[in-house]
Amino acid sequence: MRHLDRDLRLTILAVLLYGLGVGLFLQLLWVYALSLGSSRFTLGVLNAIMLATMAAANIPGAWAPRRFRLKPVIVAVWWLTVPAGLALFLAPSWPWLIPGLVIFGLSFANTPAMKSYIYLKSEPSRVAGNLTIVLGTYPVGLIVAPLVGGQVAAHLGMRVVFLISTAFFVLSSLTITLIRDTHYHSAETPWSLRSLSRNRRYLVFFLAGFLAVYVGQAFINPYLSQVHHQGYAALGVYSSLAALGAAALTLAMGRATDLYGPRVGIAGVLVFLLAGTVLLLVGWNPVVWALAMVFCGSFEALRFVAAGIVGDSFEGVPLAWGYGIFDAVMGLPMAGGAVLGGILYRAGYALPFVLVVVVSVGLLVALLAGGRSPAGERPSHTGRDGPQARH
């Protein structure tokens, strides 16, 4: 943490407060949707709507830094979390969750600018580590918040949870306004979509990885609720354990990526993803489910470790567009995986997780097969936004 400057530390605090706000409701949201009359398949549709909005928001989010400075983009979009929380609070039935989910998805439009900001504020040897530290603060916020959210939901109802979340979103938005801007000159950098053709194998690998995550992630708590009859309070505990696992795995695998390369970092995440999913399926008591949830923190860790790698994978493409295009393309398995997960979950409670196991095993085999894998080598830092783009 000593190598992080004032602005990155403020960003960490803002992300932590944001994570506390999201953590109060996110893992309980789909169980709440069931209580509002949603079907098992509709859970997948609702999740897909949110994820598709997140992905689509990356395109204007990547364009904005070419016209405006990074800080105004980051801050302005961050404030969208406040109306998102209020919209979820006001929803009287599950269809009325959609406006809140859409606004929440739009609040991710600052992701390319924020990742670019962290990248430019980092030394070249610490890019992956810093990205995973800052972004990994999000699941740290989720460690405590679900415990509180579960208790509040059990005793006072989910609407009170949404109100408390909104208050955290206000504090988080106020904190991020305190960061200082940094120079970013992507508008001066010529590039074309042909620059992305070198990364096809890399993109295919993460398309499959994100599919494994989003086929199963939204259905973990509904599975525990409907198959093992766990209530809001218990689900809050499990969600906190998953967040603890996500925080630890994100930091550990991010550092492993810096020290040993992307192959080691991603393989480590996939091993825990596989172990957690298997334990979830075969678990017979709360102790085993708790261990499974710690390992299932890898569902979040995979996304954050990928973010730490992708900054060096789009050579010749400005940072904001590189991150924006990557996240937009990953929207295909995110939204598609959510719908597919809903279809599988309607057919059988365990089926989404069976597919997670199959895909995870396939990706591990691809990594262990040898040769040059799409996640096996980190390109050099040349050809990016230029050395003058830093601090």
Protein backbone atom coordinates (compact mmCIF):
# COMPACT_ATOMS: atom_id res chain seq x y z
CA MET A 1 0.00 0.00 0.00
CA ARG A 2 2.94 2.36 0.54
CA HIS A 3 3.59 2.66 -3.19
CA LEU A 4 0.05 3.96 -3.83
CA ASP A 5 -0.28 7.73 -4.09
CA ARG A 6 -2.98 9.95 -2.55
CA ASP A 7 -5.36 9.61 -5.50
CA LEU A 8 -5.19 5.82 -5.65
CA ARG A 9 -5.80 5.66 -1.89
CA LEU A 10 -8.85 7.89 -2.27
CA THR A 11 -10.01 5.65 -5.10
CA ILE A 12 -9.60 2.64 -2.83
CA LEU A 13 -11.75 4.33 -0.18
CA ALA A 14 -14.42 5.22 -2.75
CA VAL A 15 -14.44 1.64 -4.06
CA LEU A 16 -14.65 0.32 -0.49
CA LEU A 17 -17.68 2.50 0.29
CA TYR A 18 -19.22 1.48 -3.03
CA GLY A 19 -18.60 -2.17 -2.21
CA LEU A 20 -20.28 -1.73 1.18
CA GLY A 21 -23.32 -0.25 -0.56
CA VAL A 22 -23.54 -2.95 -3.20
CA GLY A 23 -22.72 -5.72 -0.76
CA LEU A 24 -25.73 -4.94 1.39
CA PHE A 25 -28.13 -6.07 -1.34
CA LEU A 26 -26.45 -7.64 -4.38
CA GLN A 27 -26.26 -11.27 -3.26
CA LEU A 28 -29.76 -11.03 -1.77
CA LEU A 29 -31.26 -9.30 -4.80
CA TRP A 30 -32.15 -12.43 -6.73
CA VAL A 31 -33.73 -14.11 -3.71
CA TYR A 32 -35.68 -10.88 -3.19
CA ALA A 33 -36.78 -11.01 -6.85
CA LEU A 34 -38.19 -14.49 -6.20
CA SER A 35 -40.18 -13.08 -3.28
CA LEU A 36 -41.58 -10.41 -5.65
CA GLY A 37 -42.94 -13.11 -7.95
CA SER A 38 -40.03 -13.74 -10.32
CA SER A 39 -39.60 -17.23 -11.78
CA ARG A 40 -36.29 -19.10 -11.86
CA PHE A 41 -35.87 -18.34 -15.57
CA THR A 42 -36.73 -14.66 -15.03
CA LEU A 43 -33.83 -14.41 -12.58
CA GLY A 44 -31.52 -15.08 -15.51
CA VAL A 45 -33.33 -12.50 -17.65
CA LEU A 46 -33.07 -9.82 -14.95
CA ASN A 47 -29.39 -10.54 -14.47
CA ALA A 48 -28.86 -10.49 -18.24
CA ILE A 49 -30.53 -7.07 -18.52
CA MET A 50 -28.20 -5.67 -15.87
CA LEU A 51 -25.10 -7.28 -17.37
CA ALA A 52 -25.96 -6.29 -20.94
CA THR A 53 -26.39 -2.69 -19.81
CA MET A 54 -23.02 -2.85 -18.06
CA ALA A 55 -21.37 -4.13 -21.21
CA ALA A 56 -23.04 -1.66 -23.56
CA ALA A 57 -22.14 1.23 -21.26
CA ASN A 58 -18.45 0.54 -21.89
CA ILE A 59 -18.64 1.88 -25.46
CA PRO A 60 -19.70 5.45 -24.56
CA GLY A 61 -17.51 5.00 -21.50
CA ALA A 62 -14.49 4.41 -23.73
CA TRP A 63 -15.44 7.28 -26.06
CA ALA A 64 -15.88 9.86 -23.27
CA PRO A 65 -12.17 10.08 -22.27
CA ARG A 66 -11.36 11.10 -25.85
CA ARG A 67 -13.57 14.18 -25.41
CA PHE A 68 -13.31 14.87 -21.68
CA ARG A 69 -10.70 14.44 -18.98
CA LEU A 70 -10.67 11.27 -16.92
CA LYS A 71 -11.80 12.68 -13.59
CA PRO A 72 -15.07 14.29 -14.82
CA VAL A 73 -16.01 11.04 -16.57
CA ILE A 74 -15.27 8.92 -13.51
CA VAL A 75 -17.08 11.22 -11.07
CA ALA A 76 -20.16 12.05 -13.16
CA VAL A 77 -20.95 8.41 -13.89
CA TRP A 78 -20.21 7.34 -10.31
CA TRP A 79 -23.16 9.43 -9.07
CA LEU A 80 -25.57 7.21 -11.08
CA THR A 81 -25.33 4.70 -8.23
CA VAL A 82 -27.55 6.97 -6.11
CA PRO A 83 -30.67 6.91 -8.35
CA ALA A 84 -30.02 3.19 -8.95
CA GLY A 85 -30.35 2.48 -5.23
CA LEU A 86 -33.49 4.60 -4.96
CA ALA A 87 -35.10 2.88 -7.97
CA LEU A 88 -34.56 -0.55 -6.39
CA PHE A 89 -36.04 0.76 -3.14
CA LEU A 90 -39.20 1.93 -4.92
CA ALA A 91 -39.81 -1.31 -6.91
CA PRO A 92 -43.22 -2.80 -5.92
CA SER A 93 -42.83 -5.99 -7.99
CA TRP A 94 -40.09 -7.77 -9.93
CA PRO A 95 -40.65 -5.97 -13.31
CA TRP A 96 -40.05 -2.67 -11.51
CA LEU A 97 -36.58 -3.86 -10.55
CA ILE A 98 -35.59 -3.37 -14.19
CA PRO A 99 -35.18 0.47 -14.09
CA GLY A 100 -32.90 0.15 -11.07
CA LEU A 101 -30.89 -2.62 -12.71
CA VAL A 102 -30.50 -0.57 -15.91
CA ILE A 103 -29.32 2.53 -14.05
CA PHE A 104 -26.99 0.38 -11.98
CA GLY A 105 -25.59 -1.10 -15.19
CA LEU A 106 -25.09 2.37 -16.67
CA SER A 107 -23.03 3.32 -13.62
CA PHE A 108 -20.33 1.02 -15.01
CA ALA A 109 -19.77 3.37 -17.97
CA ASN A 110 -16.84 4.90 -16.11
CA THR A 111 -15.01 1.55 -15.94
CA PRO A 112 -12.70 2.21 -18.94
CA ALA A 113 -11.81 5.67 -17.58
CA MET A 114 -11.26 4.35 -14.07
CA LYS A 115 -9.05 1.45 -15.18
CA SER A 116 -7.09 3.85 -17.40
CA TYR A 117 -6.69 6.20 -14.44
CA ILE A 118 -5.30 3.44 -12.23
CA TYR A 119 -3.04 2.22 -15.05
CA LEU A 120 -1.59 5.68 -15.65
CA LYS A 121 -1.07 6.23 -11.93
CA SER A 122 0.92 2.98 -11.60
CA GLU A 123 4.52 2.05 -12.22
CA PRO A 124 4.83 -0.42 -15.15
CA SER A 125 5.92 -3.26 -12.86
CA ARG A 126 2.91 -2.76 -10.58
CA VAL A 127 0.04 -2.35 -13.05
CA ALA A 128 -1.61 -5.74 -12.47
CA GLY A 129 -0.99 -5.53 -8.73
CA ASN A 130 -2.38 -2.00 -8.40
CA LEU A 131 -5.44 -2.77 -10.51
CA THR A 132 -6.22 -5.81 -8.42
CA ILE A 133 -5.59 -3.90 -5.16
CA VAL A 134 -7.91 -1.04 -6.11
CA LEU A 135 -10.59 -3.15 -7.80
CA GLY A 136 -10.13 -5.89 -5.21
CA THR A 137 -11.23 -3.44 -2.52
CA TYR A 138 -14.75 -3.94 -3.86
CA PRO A 139 -15.06 -7.51 -2.53
CA VAL A 140 -13.43 -6.34 0.72
CA GLY A 141 -16.49 -4.12 1.16
CA LEU A 142 -18.65 -7.14 0.50
CA ILE A 143 -17.14 -9.08 3.42
CA VAL A 144 -19.03 -7.23 6.15
CA ALA A 145 -21.93 -5.73 4.19
CA PRO A 146 -23.83 -8.98 3.40
CA LEU A 147 -23.83 -9.90 7.10
CA VAL A 148 -25.52 -6.60 7.90
CA GLY A 149 -27.73 -6.77 4.82
CA GLY A 150 -28.95 -10.25 5.68
CA GLN A 151 -29.84 -9.25 9.24
CA VAL A 152 -31.54 -6.02 8.14
CA ALA A 153 -33.51 -7.85 5.43
CA ALA A 154 -34.58 -10.55 7.88
CA HIS A 155 -35.85 -8.07 10.48
CA LEU A 156 -36.72 -4.86 8.60
CA GLY A 157 -37.10 -5.93 4.97
CA MET A 158 -35.13 -5.39 1.78
CA ARG A 159 -36.39 -1.84 1.19
CA VAL A 160 -34.50 -0.65 4.27
CA VAL A 161 -31.43 -2.40 2.87
CA PHE A 162 -31.72 -0.39 -0.36
CA LEU A 163 -31.98 2.87 1.58
CA ILE A 164 -28.80 2.13 3.54
CA SER A 165 -27.06 1.16 0.29
CA THR A 166 -28.03 4.50 -1.24
CA ALA A 167 -26.45 6.33 1.70
CA PHE A 168 -23.17 4.47 1.08
CA PHE A 169 -23.39 5.37 -2.61
CA VAL A 170 -23.62 9.06 -1.68
CA LEU A 171 -20.53 8.79 0.55
CA SER A 172 -18.65 6.88 -2.14
CA SER A 173 -19.52 9.47 -4.81
CA LEU A 174 -18.41 12.32 -2.57
CA THR A 175 -15.08 10.56 -1.94
CA ILE A 176 -14.28 10.00 -5.61
CA THR A 177 -14.80 13.71 -6.32
CA LEU A 178 -11.66 14.40 -4.26
CA ILE A 179 -9.22 12.69 -6.64
CA ARG A 180 -6.97 14.79 -8.86
CA ASP A 181 -7.04 14.46 -12.61
CA THR A 182 -4.19 12.91 -14.61
CA HIS A 183 -3.07 13.48 -18.18
CA TYR A 184 -4.52 11.18 -20.82
CA HIS A 185 -4.12 11.88 -24.52
CA SER A 186 -5.75 9.01 -26.37
CA ALA A 187 -7.27 11.42 -28.90
CA GLU A 188 -3.75 11.96 -30.25
CA THR A 189 -3.10 8.25 -30.71
CA PRO A 190 -4.03 6.75 -34.09
CA TRP A 191 -5.38 3.21 -34.00
CA SER A 192 -7.80 0.87 -35.74
CA LEU A 193 -9.81 -2.21 -34.91
CA ARG A 194 -7.22 -4.24 -36.82
CA SER A 195 -4.98 -3.75 -33.81
CA LEU A 196 -7.27 -6.14 -31.92
CA SER A 197 -6.78 -9.04 -34.33
CA ARG A 198 -3.59 -10.10 -32.53
CA ASN A 199 -5.63 -10.81 -29.40
CA ARG A 200 -8.21 -13.23 -30.80
CA ARG A 201 -6.96 -16.25 -28.87
CA TYR A 202 -6.75 -14.15 -25.73
CA LEU A 203 -10.35 -12.95 -26.17
CA VAL A 204 -11.63 -16.46 -26.87
CA PHE A 205 -10.03 -17.70 -23.66
CA PHE A 206 -11.71 -15.04 -21.53
CA LEU A 207 -15.01 -15.37 -23.38
CA ALA A 208 -15.12 -18.93 -22.09
CA GLY A 209 -13.92 -17.88 -18.63
CA PHE A 210 -16.57 -15.18 -18.27
CA LEU A 211 -19.22 -17.62 -19.51
CA ALA A 212 -18.28 -19.98 -16.67
CA VAL A 213 -18.63 -17.14 -14.16
CA TYR A 214 -21.96 -15.72 -15.30
CA VAL A 215 -23.73 -19.02 -15.95
CA GLY A 216 -23.46 -19.80 -12.26
CA GLN A 217 -22.75 -16.74 -10.13
CA ALA A 218 -26.25 -15.26 -9.85
CA PHE A 219 -27.74 -18.64 -8.93
CA ILE A 220 -25.51 -19.52 -5.99
CA ASN A 221 -27.71 -17.91 -3.32
CA PRO A 222 -31.01 -18.98 -4.95
CA TYR A 223 -29.57 -22.52 -5.02
CA LEU A 224 -28.76 -22.37 -1.29
CA SER A 225 -32.17 -20.84 -0.61
CA GLN A 226 -34.33 -23.19 -2.65
CA VAL A 227 -32.39 -26.45 -2.37
CA HIS A 228 -31.03 -26.13 1.16
CA HIS A 229 -33.68 -23.75 2.57
CA GLN A 230 -31.26 -21.06 3.78
CA GLY A 231 -32.81 -17.74 4.87
CA TYR A 232 -31.68 -14.14 4.42
CA ALA A 233 -29.50 -14.15 7.55
CA ALA A 234 -27.64 -17.33 6.52
CA LEU A 235 -27.27 -16.11 2.94
CA GLY A 236 -25.69 -12.92 4.30
CA VAL A 237 -23.06 -15.01 6.08
CA TYR A 238 -22.35 -17.09 2.96
CA SER A 239 -22.12 -13.95 0.82
CA SER A 240 -19.61 -12.44 3.25
CA LEU A 241 -17.50 -15.58 3.05
CA ALA A 242 -17.60 -15.42 -0.75
CA ALA A 243 -16.48 -11.78 -0.61
CA LEU A 244 -13.65 -12.71 1.78
CA GLY A 245 -12.52 -15.34 -0.69
CA ALA A 246 -12.80 -12.89 -3.58
CA ALA A 247 -10.69 -10.28 -1.79
CA ALA A 248 -7.98 -12.76 -0.81
CA LEU A 249 -7.88 -14.49 -4.20
CA THR A 250 -7.88 -11.21 -6.13
CA LEU A 251 -4.89 -9.88 -4.23
CA ALA A 252 -3.01 -13.20 -4.26
CA MET A 253 -3.61 -14.01 -7.92
CA GLY A 254 -2.97 -10.41 -8.97
CA ARG A 255 0.40 -10.53 -7.26
CA ALA A 256 1.09 -13.96 -8.77
CA THR A 257 0.37 -12.46 -12.20
CA ASP A 258 2.92 -9.70 -11.59
CA LEU A 259 5.57 -12.15 -10.36
CA TYR A 260 5.01 -15.25 -12.49
CA GLY A 261 2.88 -14.17 -15.44
CA PRO A 262 -0.79 -14.34 -16.49
CA ARG A 263 -0.81 -18.13 -16.93
CA VAL A 264 -0.14 -18.72 -13.23
CA GLY A 265 -2.59 -16.07 -12.04
CA ILE A 266 -5.50 -17.23 -14.19
CA ALA A 267 -4.81 -20.94 -13.55
CA GLY A 268 -4.91 -20.29 -9.81
CA VAL A 269 -8.29 -18.58 -10.08
CA LEU A 270 -9.70 -21.43 -12.18
CA VAL A 271 -8.56 -24.06 -9.68
CA PHE A 272 -10.45 -22.32 -6.88
CA LEU A 273 -13.46 -21.75 -9.17
CA LEU A 274 -13.59 -25.47 -9.90
CA ALA A 275 -13.12 -26.47 -6.25
CA GLY A 276 -15.78 -24.09 -4.98
CA THR A 277 -18.36 -25.19 -7.53
CA VAL A 278 -17.78 -28.88 -6.83
CA LEU A 279 -18.08 -28.32 -3.07
CA LEU A 280 -21.29 -26.36 -3.61
CA LEU A 281 -22.77 -29.29 -5.54
CA VAL A 282 -21.70 -32.10 -3.21
CA GLY A 283 -21.86 -30.19 0.09
CA TRP A 284 -24.08 -31.73 2.78
CA ASN A 285 -23.93 -29.24 5.67
CA PRO A 286 -23.35 -25.53 6.38
CA VAL A 287 -19.63 -26.02 7.08
CA VAL A 288 -19.02 -27.42 3.60
CA TRP A 289 -21.22 -24.77 2.01
CA ALA A 290 -19.23 -22.11 3.87
CA LEU A 291 -15.94 -23.47 2.51
CA ALA A 292 -17.50 -23.65 -0.95
CA MET A 293 -18.47 -19.98 -0.72
CA VAL A 294 -14.92 -18.93 0.22
CA PHE A 295 -13.64 -20.70 -2.90
CA CYS A 296 -16.53 -19.27 -4.94
CA GLY A 297 -14.99 -15.87 -4.35
CA SER A 298 -13.06 -16.83 -7.48
CA PHE A 299 -16.17 -15.92 -9.50
CA GLU A 300 -15.36 -12.27 -8.73
CA ALA A 301 -11.58 -12.75 -8.69
CA LEU A 302 -11.49 -13.96 -12.29
CA ARG A 303 -12.91 -10.65 -13.53
CA PHE A 304 -10.49 -8.56 -11.48
CA VAL A 305 -7.40 -10.57 -12.40
CA ALA A 306 -8.44 -10.32 -16.06
CA ALA A 307 -8.62 -6.53 -15.64
CA GLY A 308 -5.06 -6.56 -14.32
CA ILE A 309 -3.85 -8.39 -17.42
CA VAL A 310 -5.85 -6.72 -20.16
CA GLY A 311 -4.10 -3.34 -19.89
CA ASP A 312 -1.03 -4.84 -21.54
CA SER A 313 -2.87 -7.01 -24.06
CA PHE A 314 -4.26 -4.34 -26.40
CA GLU A 315 -1.04 -3.05 -27.95
CA GLY A 316 -1.58 -0.05 -30.17
CA VAL A 317 -5.04 0.70 -28.74
CA PRO A 318 -5.64 3.62 -26.32
CA LEU A 319 -6.23 2.47 -22.76
CA ALA A 320 -9.85 3.57 -22.43
CA TRP A 321 -10.79 1.94 -25.73
CA GLY A 322 -8.83 -1.21 -24.89
CA TYR A 323 -10.64 -1.63 -21.60
CA GLY A 324 -13.96 -0.52 -23.07
CA ILE A 325 -13.81 -2.94 -26.00
CA PHE A 326 -12.68 -5.80 -23.77
CA ASP A 327 -15.49 -5.22 -21.27
CA ALA A 328 -18.05 -4.73 -24.06
CA VAL A 329 -17.02 -7.98 -25.75
CA MET A 330 -17.11 -9.76 -22.39
CA GLY A 331 -20.73 -8.59 -22.20
CA LEU A 332 -21.60 -11.39 -24.62
CA PRO A 333 -20.80 -14.22 -22.18
CA MET A 334 -22.01 -12.09 -19.27
CA ALA A 335 -25.53 -11.52 -20.60
CA GLY A 336 -25.66 -14.74 -22.59
CA GLY A 337 -24.37 -16.74 -19.64
CA ALA A 338 -27.03 -15.23 -17.37
CA VAL A 339 -29.83 -16.22 -19.75
CA LEU A 340 -28.32 -19.67 -20.30
CA GLY A 341 -27.96 -20.04 -16.53
CA GLY A 342 -31.63 -19.17 -16.11
CA ILE A 343 -32.64 -21.79 -18.67
CA LEU A 344 -30.46 -24.42 -17.00
CA TYR A 345 -31.60 -23.45 -13.50
CA ARG A 346 -35.24 -23.80 -14.54
CA ALA A 347 -34.47 -27.28 -15.93
CA GLY A 348 -32.52 -28.35 -12.85
CA TYR A 349 -31.09 -26.54 -9.85
CA ALA A 350 -27.59 -28.00 -10.29
CA LEU A 351 -27.25 -27.67 -14.07
CA PRO A 352 -25.66 -24.18 -14.22
CA PHE A 353 -22.91 -25.34 -11.88
CA VAL A 354 -22.29 -28.50 -13.89
CA LEU A 355 -21.55 -26.27 -16.89
CA VAL A 356 -19.21 -24.15 -14.73
CA VAL A 357 -17.26 -27.31 -13.87
CA VAL A 358 -17.03 -28.40 -17.51
CA VAL A 359 -15.83 -25.01 -18.79
CA SER A 360 -13.33 -24.57 -15.93
CA VAL A 361 -11.79 -27.97 -16.57
CA GLY A 362 -11.52 -27.19 -20.29
CA LEU A 363 -9.74 -23.89 -19.62
CA LEU A 364 -7.32 -25.50 -17.18
CA VAL A 365 -6.49 -28.16 -19.75
CA ALA A 366 -5.86 -25.42 -22.31
CA LEU A 367 -3.47 -23.65 -19.91
CA LEU A 368 -1.65 -26.85 -18.98
CA ALA A 369 -1.36 -28.07 -22.57
CA GLY A 370 1.82 -26.02 -23.07
CA GLY A 371 2.85 -23.74 -25.89
CA ARG A 372 1.70 -20.18 -26.16
CA SER A 373 -1.70 -19.81 -24.57
CA PRO A 374 -3.73 -16.64 -24.94
CA ALA A 375 -3.16 -15.88 -21.26
CA GLY A 376 0.34 -17.24 -21.19
CA GLU A 377 2.47 -14.21 -22.03
CA ARG A 378 2.33 -10.54 -21.14
CA PRO A 379 3.13 -8.18 -24.00
CA SER A 380 5.55 -5.36 -23.41
CA HIS A 381 4.43 -1.89 -22.34
CA THR A 382 5.46 -0.31 -25.62
CA GLY A 383 2.93 0.92 -28.08
CA ARG A 384 0.52 2.12 -25.43
CA ASP A 385 -0.47 5.70 -24.65
CA GLY A 386 3.17 6.66 -24.37
CA PRO A 387 5.48 7.18 -21.43
CA GLN A 388 4.39 10.80 -21.09
CA ALA A 389 0.89 9.56 -20.24
CA ARG A 390 2.00 8.51 -16.78
CA HIS A 391 1.76 10.80 -13.72
